[in-house]
C-alpha atoms as a PDB file:
ATOM      1  CA  MET A   1      -5.577 -35.780  26.505  1.00  0.00           C
ATOM      2  CA  VAL A   2      -4.939 -33.146  29.166  1.00  0.00           C
ATOM      3  CA  VAL A   3      -1.381 -32.567  30.362  1.00  0.00           C
ATOM      4  CA  GLN A   4       0.160 -30.268  32.932  1.00  0.00           C
ATOM      5  CA  LEU A   5       3.218 -28.223  31.988  1.00  0.00           C
ATOM      6  CA  GLU A   6       5.128 -25.272  33.351  1.00  0.00           C
ATOM      7  CA  LEU A   7       5.313 -22.059  31.326  1.00  0.00           C
ATOM      8  CA  ASP A   8       9.032 -22.490  30.639  1.00  0.00           C
ATOM      9  CA  GLU A   9       8.280 -25.948  29.181  1.00  0.00           C
ATOM     10  CA  LEU A  10       5.874 -24.348  26.683  1.00  0.00           C
ATOM     11  CA  ALA A  11       8.690 -22.054  25.525  1.00  0.00           C
ATOM     12  CA  ASP A  12      10.529 -25.116  24.211  1.00  0.00           C
ATOM     13  CA  PRO A  13       9.306 -25.701  20.631  1.00  0.00           C
ATOM     14  CA  THR A  14       9.631 -29.475  21.063  1.00  0.00           C
ATOM     15  CA  TRP A  15       7.119 -29.659  23.925  1.00  0.00           C
ATOM     16  CA  PRO A  16       4.337 -31.190  21.786  1.00  0.00           C
ATOM     17  CA  GLN A  17       6.522 -34.104  20.688  1.00  0.00           C
ATOM     18  CA  ARG A  18       7.641 -34.713  24.271  1.00  0.00           C
ATOM     19  CA  THR A  19       4.116 -34.423  25.677  1.00  0.00           C
ATOM     20  CA  VAL A  20       1.969 -36.485  23.325  1.00  0.00           C
ATOM     21  CA  LEU A  21       2.710 -40.101  24.131  1.00  0.00           C
ATOM     22  CA  GLY A  22       3.297 -42.333  21.132  1.00  0.00           C
ATOM     23  CA  TRP A  23       3.169 -39.452  18.678  1.00  0.00           C
ATOM     24  CA  GLU A  24       4.885 -40.143  15.394  1.00  0.00           C
ATOM     25  CA  CYS A  25       4.983 -37.822  12.396  1.00  0.00           C
ATOM     26  CA  SER A  26       2.746 -39.122   9.633  1.00  0.00           C
ATOM     27  CA  ARG A  27       3.216 -36.114   7.339  1.00  0.00           C
ATOM     28  CA  PRO A  28       6.528 -35.006   5.829  1.00  0.00           C
ATOM     29  CA  GLY A  29       7.599 -31.663   7.270  1.00  0.00           C
ATOM     30  CA  GLN A  30       5.074 -31.675  10.101  1.00  0.00           C
ATOM     31  CA  GLU A  31       6.735 -30.151  13.142  1.00  0.00           C
ATOM     32  CA  GLY A  32       4.657 -31.720  15.843  1.00  0.00           C
ATOM     33  CA  PRO A  33       1.254 -32.852  16.931  1.00  0.00           C
ATOM     34  CA  TYR A  34      -1.463 -30.237  16.784  1.00  0.00           C
ATOM     35  CA  THR A  35      -2.602 -28.911  20.105  1.00  0.00           C
ATOM     36  CA  SER A  36      -6.087 -27.513  20.456  1.00  0.00           C
ATOM     37  CA  LEU A  37      -6.215 -25.684  23.774  1.00  0.00           C
ATOM     38  CA  ILE A  38      -3.642 -24.361  26.220  1.00  0.00           C
ATOM     39  CA  TRP A  39      -4.550 -22.543  29.444  1.00  0.00           C
ATOM     40  CA  PRO A  40      -3.060 -21.926  32.874  1.00  0.00           C
ATOM     41  CA  GLU A  41      -4.426 -23.491  36.028  1.00  0.00           C
ATOM     42  CA  ASP A  42      -6.262 -20.289  36.968  1.00  0.00           C
ATOM     43  CA  HIS A  43      -7.888 -20.101  33.495  1.00  0.00           C
ATOM     44  CA  ALA A  44      -6.831 -16.448  33.179  1.00  0.00           C
ATOM     45  CA  TRP A  45      -6.261 -16.909  29.427  1.00  0.00           C
ATOM     46  CA  VAL A  46      -6.606 -19.555  26.729  1.00  0.00           C
ATOM     47  CA  VAL A  47      -4.886 -20.257  23.426  1.00  0.00           C
ATOM     48  CA  ALA A  48      -7.037 -22.119  20.906  1.00  0.00           C
ATOM     49  CA  SER A  49      -5.717 -23.507  17.666  1.00  0.00           C
ATOM     50  CA  GLU A  50      -7.079 -26.001  15.183  1.00  0.00           C
ATOM     51  CA  GLU A  51      -5.426 -27.846  12.321  1.00  0.00           C
ATOM     52  CA  ASP A  52      -7.952 -26.526   9.807  1.00  0.00           C
ATOM     53  CA  TRP A  53      -7.950 -22.884  10.951  1.00  0.00           C
ATOM     54  CA  ASP A  54      -5.599 -20.312   9.528  1.00  0.00           C
ATOM     55  CA  SER A  55      -5.414 -18.565  12.891  1.00  0.00           C
ATOM     56  CA  THR A  56      -4.700 -19.080  16.546  1.00  0.00           C
ATOM     57  CA  ILE A  57      -7.109 -17.509  19.031  1.00  0.00           C
ATOM     58  CA  VAL A  58      -5.837 -15.963  22.260  1.00  0.00           C
ATOM     59  CA  ALA A  59      -8.453 -14.946  24.796  1.00  0.00           C
ATOM     60  CA  GLY A  60      -7.863 -13.285  28.125  1.00  0.00           C
ATOM     61  CA  SER A  61      -8.130 -10.031  29.969  1.00  0.00           C
ATOM     62  CA  ARG A  62      -8.520  -6.762  28.080  1.00  0.00           C
ATOM     63  CA  THR A  63      -4.947  -5.907  29.142  1.00  0.00           C
ATOM     64  CA  LEU A  64      -3.568  -9.144  27.670  1.00  0.00           C
ATOM     65  CA  VAL A  65      -5.453  -8.679  24.412  1.00  0.00           C
ATOM     66  CA  ASP A  66      -4.321  -5.056  24.098  1.00  0.00           C
ATOM     67  CA  GLU A  67      -0.686  -6.058  24.710  1.00  0.00           C
ATOM     68  CA  ILE A  68      -0.845  -8.725  21.998  1.00  0.00           C
ATOM     69  CA  LEU A  69      -2.491  -6.316  19.546  1.00  0.00           C
ATOM     70  CA  ALA A  70       0.218  -3.712  20.221  1.00  0.00           C
ATOM     71  CA  ASP A  71       3.139  -6.152  19.837  1.00  0.00           C
ATOM     72  CA  ASP A  72       4.681  -5.874  16.364  1.00  0.00           C
ATOM     73  CA  ARG A  73       6.034  -9.439  16.559  1.00  0.00           C
ATOM     74  CA  TYR A  74       2.526 -10.745  15.924  1.00  0.00           C
ATOM     75  CA  GLU A  75       0.106 -10.354  13.073  1.00  0.00           C
ATOM     76  CA  ALA A  76      -2.850  -9.895  15.389  1.00  0.00           C
ATOM     77  CA  PHE A  77      -6.283  -8.398  15.192  1.00  0.00           C
ATOM     78  CA  GLU A  78      -9.389  -8.579  17.277  1.00  0.00           C
ATOM     79  CA  VAL A  79     -12.102 -10.987  16.154  1.00  0.00           C
ATOM     80  CA  ASP A  80     -15.780 -11.183  16.928  1.00  0.00           C
ATOM     81  CA  GLU A  81     -17.893 -14.246  17.592  1.00  0.00           C
ATOM     82  CA  GLY A  82     -19.170 -14.572  14.028  1.00  0.00           C
ATOM     83  CA  ASP A  83     -15.869 -13.949  12.203  1.00  0.00           C
ATOM     84  CA  ASP A  84     -14.773 -16.499   9.593  1.00  0.00           C
ATOM     85  CA  LEU A  85     -11.613 -18.336  10.701  1.00  0.00           C
ATOM     86  CA  SER A  86     -11.353 -20.532   7.631  1.00  0.00           C
ATOM     87  CA  TRP A  87      -8.643 -20.089   5.008  1.00  0.00           C
ATOM     88  CA  ASP A  88     -11.110 -18.162   2.861  1.00  0.00           C
ATOM     89  CA  GLY A  89     -11.915 -15.824   5.754  1.00  0.00           C
ATOM     90  CA  ASP A  90      -8.371 -14.413   5.956  1.00  0.00           C
ATOM     91  CA  LEU A  91      -8.673 -10.902   4.521  1.00  0.00           C
ATOM     92  CA  LEU A  92      -5.092  -9.896   5.455  1.00  0.00           C
ATOM     93  CA  ASN A  93      -3.454 -12.811   3.631  1.00  0.00           C
ATOM     94  CA  PRO A  94      -5.959 -13.960   1.010  1.00  0.00           C
ATOM     95  CA  ARG A  95      -5.408 -17.305  -0.638  1.00  0.00           C
ATOM     96  CA  GLN A  96      -3.600 -16.918  -3.951  1.00  0.00           C
ATOM     97  CA  PRO A  97      -5.015 -18.556  -7.067  1.00  0.00           C
ATOM     98  CA  PRO A  98      -3.037 -21.570  -8.292  1.00  0.00           C
ATOM     99  CA  ARG A  99      -0.218 -20.821 -10.677  1.00  0.00           C
ATOM    100  CA  PRO A 100      -0.730 -22.053 -14.228  1.00  0.00           C
ATOM    101  CA  GLY A 101       0.780 -25.498 -14.645  1.00  0.00           C
ATOM    102  CA  SER A 102       0.931 -26.229 -10.904  1.00  0.00           C
END
């Protein structure tokens, strides 16, 4: 499904629920439907996310990437084409072993 939204609409955290027709939460605590790709009409940047990844990818101009990397609000680092985006590939926040009895 491809939808068209304005940037201020994306700032509203409920936009996925309002955008995906017929979406109903099937998992307790799930905040909204998972979106895969978001980009502006001019394709100047793209945000890619996947339910099974532990990361969200932002691609765009060198200036955009540098600004994101420099912004302390984000845990961001540059990735290369062959980098592992699975849960096990996260070297900053490695998966913790299960606690005994859990």
